[in-house]
PDB file of N, CA and C in Angstrom:
ATOM      1  N   UNK A   1      -3.923   9.090  -4.073  1.00  0.00           N
ATOM      2  CA  UNK A   1      -3.713   7.422  -4.676  1.00  0.00           C
ATOM      3  C   UNK A   1      -3.393   7.037  -3.353  1.00  0.00           C
ATOM      4  N   UNK A   2      -3.791   6.010  -2.610  1.00  0.00           N
ATOM      5  CA  UNK A   2      -4.418   5.391  -1.736  1.00  0.00           C
ATOM      6  C   UNK A   2      -3.033   3.094  -1.916  1.00  0.00           C
ATOM      7  N   UNK A   3      -2.942   3.246  -0.921  1.00  0.00           N
ATOM      8  CA  UNK A   3      -1.883   2.269  -1.229  1.00  0.00           C
ATOM      9  C   UNK A   3      -1.747   1.480  -1.002  1.00  0.00           C
ATOM     10  N   UNK A   4      -3.330   0.890  -1.462  1.00  0.00           N
ATOM     11  CA  UNK A   4      -3.773  -0.054  -2.158  1.00  0.00           C
ATOM     12  C   UNK A   4      -3.413  -0.700  -3.863  1.00  0.00           C
ATOM     13  N   UNK A   5      -4.030   1.236  -4.059  1.00  0.00           N
ATOM     14  CA  UNK A   5      -2.975   1.740  -5.640  1.00  0.00           C
ATOM     15  C   UNK A   5      -1.572   1.257  -5.975  1.00  0.00           C
ATOM     16  N   UNK A   6      -1.204   1.731  -5.004  1.00  0.00           N
ATOM     17  CA  UNK A   6       0.170   1.700  -4.646  1.00  0.00           C
ATOM     18  C   UNK A   6       0.956   0.243  -5.034  1.00  0.00           C
ATOM     19  N   UNK A   7       0.535  -0.055  -4.403  1.00  0.00           N
ATOM     20  CA  UNK A   7       0.446  -1.441  -4.560  1.00  0.00           C
ATOM     21  C   UNK A   7       0.208  -2.856  -5.950  1.00  0.00           C
ATOM     22  N   UNK A   8      -1.045  -1.944  -5.948  1.00  0.00           N
ATOM     23  CA  UNK A   8      -0.927  -2.659  -7.479  1.00  0.00           C
ATOM     24  C   UNK A   8      -0.313  -1.829  -8.530  1.00  0.00           C
ATOM     25  N   UNK A   9      -0.489  -0.850  -8.680  1.00  0.00           N
ATOM     26  CA  UNK A   9       1.182  -0.029  -9.548  1.00  0.00           C
ATOM     27  C   UNK A   9       2.044  -0.920  -9.080  1.00  0.00           C
ATOM     28  N   UNK A  10       2.570  -1.010  -8.364  1.00  0.00           N
ATOM     29  CA  UNK A  10       4.076  -1.650  -8.377  1.00  0.00           C
ATOM     30  C   UNK A  10       3.460  -3.125  -9.176  1.00  0.00           C
ATOM     31  N   UNK A  11       3.062  -3.605  -9.253  1.00  0.00           N
ATOM     32  CA  UNK A  11       3.099  -5.414  -9.725  1.00  0.00           C
ATOM     33  C   UNK A  11       2.003  -4.957 -10.866  1.00  0.00           C
ATOM     34  N   UNK A  12       2.247  -3.425 -11.032  1.00  0.00           N
ATOM     35  CA  UNK A  12       1.537  -3.768 -12.908  1.00  0.00           C
ATOM     36  C   UNK A  12       3.155  -3.778 -13.699  1.00  0.00           C
ATOM     37  N   UNK A  13       3.962  -2.828 -13.156  1.00  0.00           N
ATOM     38  CA  UNK A  13       4.515  -2.880 -12.992  1.00  0.00           C
ATOM     39  C   UNK A  13       6.157  -3.415 -13.421  1.00  0.00           C
ATOM     40  N   UNK A  14       6.157  -4.451 -11.981  1.00  0.00           N
ATOM     41  CA  UNK A  14       7.322  -5.775 -11.675  1.00  0.00           C
ATOM     42  C   UNK A  14       8.038  -5.664 -12.624  1.00  0.00           C
ATOM     43  N   UNK A  15       7.435  -6.868 -13.723  1.00  0.00           N
ATOM     44  CA  UNK A  15       7.948  -7.241 -15.251  1.00  0.00           C
ATOM     45  C   UNK A  15       8.743  -6.441 -16.055  1.00  0.00           C
ATOM     46  N   UNK A  16       8.777  -5.471 -16.188  1.00  0.00           N
ATOM     47  CA  UNK A  16       9.973  -4.215 -16.535  1.00  0.00           C
ATOM     48  C   UNK A  16      10.521  -3.392 -15.947  1.00  0.00           C
ATOM     49  N   UNK A  17      10.900  -3.684 -14.337  1.00  0.00           N
ATOM     50  CA  UNK A  17      12.034  -3.372 -13.265  1.00  0.00           C
ATOM     51  C   UNK A  17      12.844  -4.484 -13.566  1.00  0.00           C
ATOM     52  N   UNK A  18      14.226  -3.021 -13.065  1.00  0.00           N
ATOM     53  CA  UNK A  18      15.235  -3.783 -13.237  1.00  0.00           C
ATOM     54  C   UNK A  18      15.121  -4.603 -12.407  1.00  0.00           C
ATOM     55  N   UNK A  19      16.869  -5.443 -12.471  1.00  0.00           N
ATOM     56  CA  UNK A  19      16.429  -6.558 -10.885  1.00  0.00           C
ATOM     57  C   UNK A  19      16.615  -5.597  -9.640  1.00  0.00           C
ATOM     58  N   UNK A  20      17.996  -5.000  -9.572  1.00  0.00           N
ATOM     59  CA  UNK A  20      18.015  -4.068  -8.443  1.00  0.00           C
ATOM     60  C   UNK A  20      16.633  -3.733  -8.554  1.00  0.00           C
ATOM     61  N   UNK A  21      15.688  -2.834  -8.552  1.00  0.00           N
ATOM     62  CA  UNK A  21      14.456  -2.648  -8.653  1.00  0.00           C
ATOM     63  C   UNK A  21      13.816  -3.620  -7.833  1.00  0.00           C
ATOM     64  N   UNK A  22      13.179  -4.453  -8.729  1.00  0.00           N
ATOM     65  CA  UNK A  22      12.896  -6.072  -8.161  1.00  0.00           C
ATOM     66  C   UNK A  22      13.315  -5.894  -6.773  1.00  0.00           C
ATOM     67  N   UNK A  23      14.339  -6.281  -6.784  1.00  0.00           N
ATOM     68  CA  UNK A  23      14.690  -6.510  -4.746  1.00  0.00           C
ATOM     69  C   UNK A  23      14.083  -5.230  -3.712  1.00  0.00           C
ATOM     70  N   UNK A  24      13.857  -4.304  -4.652  1.00  0.00           N
ATOM     71  CA  UNK A  24      13.170  -3.169  -3.822  1.00  0.00           C
ATOM     72  C   UNK A  24      12.196  -3.332  -3.587  1.00  0.00           C
ATOM     73  N   UNK A  25      11.114  -3.538  -4.877  1.00  0.00           N
ATOM     74  CA  UNK A  25       9.942  -4.283  -4.871  1.00  0.00           C
ATOM     75  C   UNK A  25      10.074  -5.342  -4.333  1.00  0.00           C
ATOM     76  N   UNK A  26       9.943  -5.941  -4.268  1.00  0.00           N
ATOM     77  CA  UNK A  26      10.315  -7.078  -3.021  1.00  0.00           C
ATOM     78  C   UNK A  26       9.902  -7.193  -1.253  1.00  0.00           C
ATOM     79  N   UNK A  27      11.131  -6.164  -1.387  1.00  0.00           N
ATOM     80  CA  UNK A  27      10.900  -5.776   0.188  1.00  0.00           C
ATOM     81  C   UNK A  27       9.667  -4.851   0.140  1.00  0.00           C
ATOM     82  N   UNK A  28       9.253  -4.487  -0.171  1.00  0.00           N
ATOM     83  CA  UNK A  28       8.639  -3.457   0.286  1.00  0.00           C
ATOM     84  C   UNK A  28       6.974  -4.742  -0.138  1.00  0.00           C
ATOM     85  N   UNK A  29       7.204  -4.918  -0.830  1.00  0.00           N
ATOM     86  CA  UNK A  29       5.231  -6.125  -0.605  1.00  0.00           C
ATOM     87  C   UNK A  29       5.568  -6.846   0.503  1.00  0.00           C
ATOM     88  N   UNK A  30       6.874  -7.376   0.232  1.00  0.00           N
ATOM     89  CA  UNK A  30       6.987  -8.565   2.106  1.00  0.00           C
ATOM     90  C   UNK A  30       6.411  -7.198   3.247  1.00  0.00           C
ATOM     91  N   UNK A  31       6.720  -5.991   3.867  1.00  0.00           N
ATOM     92  CA  UNK A  31       6.902  -5.406   4.212  1.00  0.00           C
ATOM     93  C   UNK A  31       6.049  -3.754   4.505  1.00  0.00           C
ATOM     94  N   UNK A  32       5.536  -3.658   3.710  1.00  0.00           N
ATOM     95  CA  UNK A  32       5.046  -2.409   3.384  1.00  0.00           C
ATOM     96  C   UNK A  32       4.551  -1.320   4.657  1.00  0.00           C
ATOM     97  N   UNK A  33       4.041  -2.256   6.324  1.00  0.00           N
ATOM     98  CA  UNK A  33       4.648  -0.701   6.699  1.00  0.00           C
ATOM     99  C   UNK A  33       5.407  -0.759   7.833  1.00  0.00           C
ATOM    100  N   UNK A  34       5.767  -1.209   7.920  1.00  0.00           N
ATOM    101  CA  UNK A  34       7.665  -1.103   7.751  1.00  0.00           C
ATOM    102  C   UNK A  34       8.365   0.264   6.857  1.00  0.00           C
ATOM    103  N   UNK A  35       7.697   0.155   5.585  1.00  0.00           N
ATOM    104  CA  UNK A  35       8.316   1.138   4.875  1.00  0.00           C
ATOM    105  C   UNK A  35       8.091   2.586   5.112  1.00  0.00           C
ATOM    106  N   UNK A  36       6.994   3.253   5.486  1.00  0.00           N
ATOM    107  CA  UNK A  36       6.319   4.227   5.867  1.00  0.00           C
ATOM    108  C   UNK A  36       7.434   4.734   7.428  1.00  0.00           C
ATOM    109  N   UNK A  37       8.168   3.718   8.300  1.00  0.00           N
ATOM    110  CA  UNK A  37       8.656   4.285   9.140  1.00  0.00           C
ATOM    111  C   UNK A  37      10.536   4.707   8.950  1.00  0.00           C
ATOM    112  N   UNK A  38      10.451   3.638   6.965  1.00  0.00           N
ATOM    113  CA  UNK A  38      12.098   3.533   7.457  1.00  0.00           C
ATOM    114  C   UNK A  38      12.587   4.898   6.606  1.00  0.00           C
ATOM    115  N   UNK A  39      14.276   5.425   6.514  1.00  0.00           N
ATOM    116  CA  UNK A  39      14.426   5.838   5.894  1.00  0.00           C
ATOM    117  C   UNK A  39      14.796   6.188   4.491  1.00  0.00           C
ATOM    118  N   UNK A  40      14.689   6.523   3.241  1.00  0.00           N
ATOM    119  CA  UNK A  40      15.470   5.675   2.451  1.00  0.00           C
ATOM    120  C   UNK A  40      16.732   5.147   2.130  1.00  0.00           C
ATOM    121  N   UNK A  41      17.832   5.452   2.973  1.00  0.00           N
ATOM    122  CA  UNK A  41      19.043   4.843   3.722  1.00  0.00           C
ATOM    123  C   UNK A  41      18.947   3.641   3.428  1.00  0.00           C
ATOM    124  N   UNK A  42      17.660   3.063   5.030  1.00  0.00           N
ATOM    125  CA  UNK A  42      17.233   2.234   5.900  1.00  0.00           C
ATOM    126  C   UNK A  42      16.527   0.843   4.397  1.00  0.00           C
ATOM    127  N   UNK A  43      16.020   1.849   3.181  1.00  0.00           N
ATOM    128  CA  UNK A  43      15.252   0.466   2.751  1.00  0.00           C
ATOM    129  C   UNK A  43      16.303   0.651   1.280  1.00  0.00           C
ATOM    130  N   UNK A  44      17.449   1.623   1.563  1.00  0.00           N
ATOM    131  CA  UNK A  44      18.440   0.659   0.261  1.00  0.00           C
ATOM    132  C   UNK A  44      19.191  -0.226   0.682  1.00  0.00           C
ATOM    133  N   UNK A  45      19.389  -0.084   1.819  1.00  0.00           N
ATOM    134  CA  UNK A  45      20.321  -1.184   2.934  1.00  0.00           C
ATOM    135  C   UNK A  45      19.972  -2.857   3.287  1.00  0.00           C
ATOM    136  N   UNK A  46      18.151  -2.202   3.952  1.00  0.00           N
ATOM    137  CA  UNK A  46      17.925  -4.454   3.903  1.00  0.00           C
ATOM    138  C   UNK A  46      16.895  -5.052   2.459  1.00  0.00           C
ATOM    139  N   UNK A  47      17.481  -3.566   1.210  1.00  0.00           N
ATOM    140  CA  UNK A  47      17.158  -3.872  -0.048  1.00  0.00           C
ATOM    141  C   UNK A  47      18.361  -4.602  -0.855  1.00  0.00           C
ATOM    142  N   UNK A  48      19.534  -3.385  -0.020  1.00  0.00           N
ATOM    143  CA  UNK A  48      21.321  -4.620  -0.323  1.00  0.00           C
ATOM    144  C   UNK A  48      21.166  -3.753  -1.866  1.00  0.00           C
ATOM    145  N   UNK A  49      20.679  -2.454  -2.073  1.00  0.00           N
ATOM    146  CA  UNK A  49      20.629  -1.810  -3.537  1.00  0.00           C
ATOM    147  C   UNK A  49      21.515  -0.348  -3.385  1.00  0.00           C
ATOM    148  N   UNK A  50      21.945   0.435  -3.627  1.00  0.00           N
ATOM    149  CA  UNK A  50      22.310   1.944  -3.389  1.00  0.00           C
ATOM    150  C   UNK A  50      20.652   2.950  -2.947  1.00  0.00           C
ATOM    151  N   UNK A  51      21.024   3.842  -2.571  1.00  0.00           N
ATOM    152  CA  UNK A  51      19.640   5.053  -2.748  1.00  0.00           C
ATOM    153  C   UNK A  51      18.701   5.233  -3.814  1.00  0.00           C
ATOM    154  N   UNK A  52      19.981   5.854  -4.410  1.00  0.00           N
ATOM    155  CA  UNK A  52      19.750   6.010  -6.092  1.00  0.00           C
ATOM    156  C   UNK A  52      18.911   5.248  -6.537  1.00  0.00           C
ATOM    157  N   UNK A  53      18.832   3.561  -6.832  1.00  0.00           N
ATOM    158  CA  UNK A  53      17.775   2.621  -7.556  1.00  0.00           C
ATOM    159  C   UNK A  53      16.524   2.572  -6.057  1.00  0.00           C
ATOM    160  N   UNK A  54      16.372   2.832  -5.113  1.00  0.00           N
ATOM    161  CA  UNK A  54      15.658   3.243  -4.743  1.00  0.00           C
ATOM    162  C   UNK A  54      14.725   4.695  -5.052  1.00  0.00           C
ATOM    163  N   UNK A  55      15.302   5.662  -5.193  1.00  0.00           N
ATOM    164  CA  UNK A  55      14.473   6.880  -5.696  1.00  0.00           C
ATOM    165  C   UNK A  55      14.818   7.084  -7.158  1.00  0.00           C
ATOM    166  N   UNK A  56      15.241   5.753  -8.151  1.00  0.00           N
ATOM    167  CA  UNK A  56      14.824   5.207  -9.399  1.00  0.00           C
ATOM    168  C   UNK A  56      13.380   4.778  -9.324  1.00  0.00           C
ATOM    169  N   UNK A  57      13.516   4.036  -8.865  1.00  0.00           N
ATOM    170  CA  UNK A  57      12.130   3.393  -8.479  1.00  0.00           C
ATOM    171  C   UNK A  57      10.885   4.442  -8.550  1.00  0.00           C
ATOM    172  N   UNK A  58      10.919   5.199  -7.498  1.00  0.00           N
ATOM    173  CA  UNK A  58      10.011   5.838  -7.708  1.00  0.00           C
ATOM    174  C   UNK A  58       9.655   7.249  -8.444  1.00  0.00           C
ATOM    175  N   UNK A  59      11.135   7.733  -9.047  1.00  0.00           N
ATOM    176  CA  UNK A  59      10.235   8.240  -9.916  1.00  0.00           C
ATOM    177  C   UNK A  59       9.591   7.650 -11.394  1.00  0.00           C
ATOM    178  N   UNK A  60      10.257   6.321 -11.093  1.00  0.00           N
ATOM    179  CA  UNK A  60       9.763   5.201 -12.293  1.00  0.00           C
ATOM    180  C   UNK A  60       8.125   5.401 -11.904  1.00  0.00           C
ATOM    181  N   UNK A  61       7.771   4.751 -10.645  1.00  0.00           N
ATOM    182  CA  UNK A  61       6.118   4.638 -10.544  1.00  0.00           C
ATOM    183  C   UNK A  61       5.821   5.966 -10.841  1.00  0.00           C
ATOM    184  N   UNK A  62       6.146   7.095 -10.737  1.00  0.00           N
ATOM    185  CA  UNK A  62       5.240   8.538 -10.945  1.00  0.00           C
ATOM    186  C   UNK A  62       5.585   9.283  -9.533  1.00  0.00           C
ATOM    187  N   UNK A  63       5.917   9.467  -8.083  1.00  0.00           N
ATOM    188  CA  UNK A  63       5.821   9.921  -7.723  1.00  0.00           C
ATOM    189  C   UNK A  63       7.451  11.032  -7.674  1.00  0.00           C
ATOM    190  N   UNK A  64       7.085  12.236  -6.616  1.00  0.00           N
ATOM    191  CA  UNK A  64       8.612  13.236  -7.152  1.00  0.00           C
ATOM    192  C   UNK A  64       9.924  12.219  -6.596  1.00  0.00           C
ATOM    193  N   UNK A  65       9.507  11.535  -5.233  1.00  0.00           N
ATOM    194  CA  UNK A  65       9.899  11.276  -4.356  1.00  0.00           C
ATOM    195  C   UNK A  65      10.111  10.144  -3.886  1.00  0.00           C
ATOM    196  N   UNK A  66      11.261   9.943  -3.291  1.00  0.00           N
ATOM    197  CA  UNK A  66      10.604   8.807  -2.146  1.00  0.00           C
ATOM    198  C   UNK A  66       9.592   8.848  -0.647  1.00  0.00           C
ATOM    199  N   UNK A  67      10.022  10.748  -0.050  1.00  0.00           N
ATOM    200  CA  UNK A  67       8.881  10.845   0.549  1.00  0.00           C
ATOM    201  C   UNK A  67       8.145  10.963  -0.225  1.00  0.00           C
ATOM    202  N   UNK A  68       7.212  11.094  -1.073  1.00  0.00           N
ATOM    203  CA  UNK A  68       6.162  11.120  -1.331  1.00  0.00           C
ATOM    204  C   UNK A  68       4.896  10.164  -1.863  1.00  0.00           C
ATOM    205  N   UNK A  69       6.466   8.419  -2.348  1.00  0.00           N
ATOM    206  CA  UNK A  69       6.090   7.436  -2.283  1.00  0.00           C
ATOM    207  C   UNK A  69       5.706   7.044  -0.913  1.00  0.00           C
ATOM    208  N   UNK A  70       6.709   7.747  -0.001  1.00  0.00           N
ATOM    209  CA  UNK A  70       6.202   7.015   1.795  1.00  0.00           C
ATOM    210  C   UNK A  70       4.273   7.473   2.067  1.00  0.00           C
ATOM    211  N   UNK A  71       4.141   8.890   1.438  1.00  0.00           N
ATOM    212  CA  UNK A  71       3.143   8.875   1.704  1.00  0.00           C
ATOM    213  C   UNK A  71       1.586   8.817   1.187  1.00  0.00           C
ATOM    214  N   UNK A  72       1.859   7.516  -0.207  1.00  0.00           N
ATOM    215  CA  UNK A  72       1.057   7.545  -1.247  1.00  0.00           C
ATOM    216  C   UNK A  72       0.768   5.867  -0.384  1.00  0.00           C
ATOM    217  N   UNK A  73       1.841   5.406   0.014  1.00  0.00           N
ATOM    218  CA  UNK A  73       1.842   3.826   0.633  1.00  0.00           C
ATOM    219  C   UNK A  73       1.055   4.081   1.968  1.00  0.00           C
ATOM    220  N   UNK A  74       1.234   4.794   2.670  1.00  0.00           N
ATOM    221  CA  UNK A  74       0.991   5.375   3.750  1.00  0.00           C
ATOM    222  C   UNK A  74      -0.487   6.017   4.229  1.00  0.00           C
ATOM    223  N   UNK A  75      -1.333   6.466   3.400  1.00  0.00           N
ATOM    224  CA  UNK A  75      -2.723   6.765   2.657  1.00  0.00           C
ATOM    225  C   UNK A  75      -3.895   5.526   2.780  1.00  0.00           C
TER     226      UNK A  75
END
């Protein structure tokens, strides 16, 4: 799955996400190139959510975890 597909996937499920998950997605959509260099802790801090929320979002999008999400986003 390449980056445009990841972005399309995010947009497709956006309405079904929780408020906190939307906060993470909003940050990702505004800063996709920065995400690939950030740790899960940095993304959580920048999105004002818990690390568990970021991990849960990645799982909800069909990835094994944050690292797999970042690799798909970067490719």
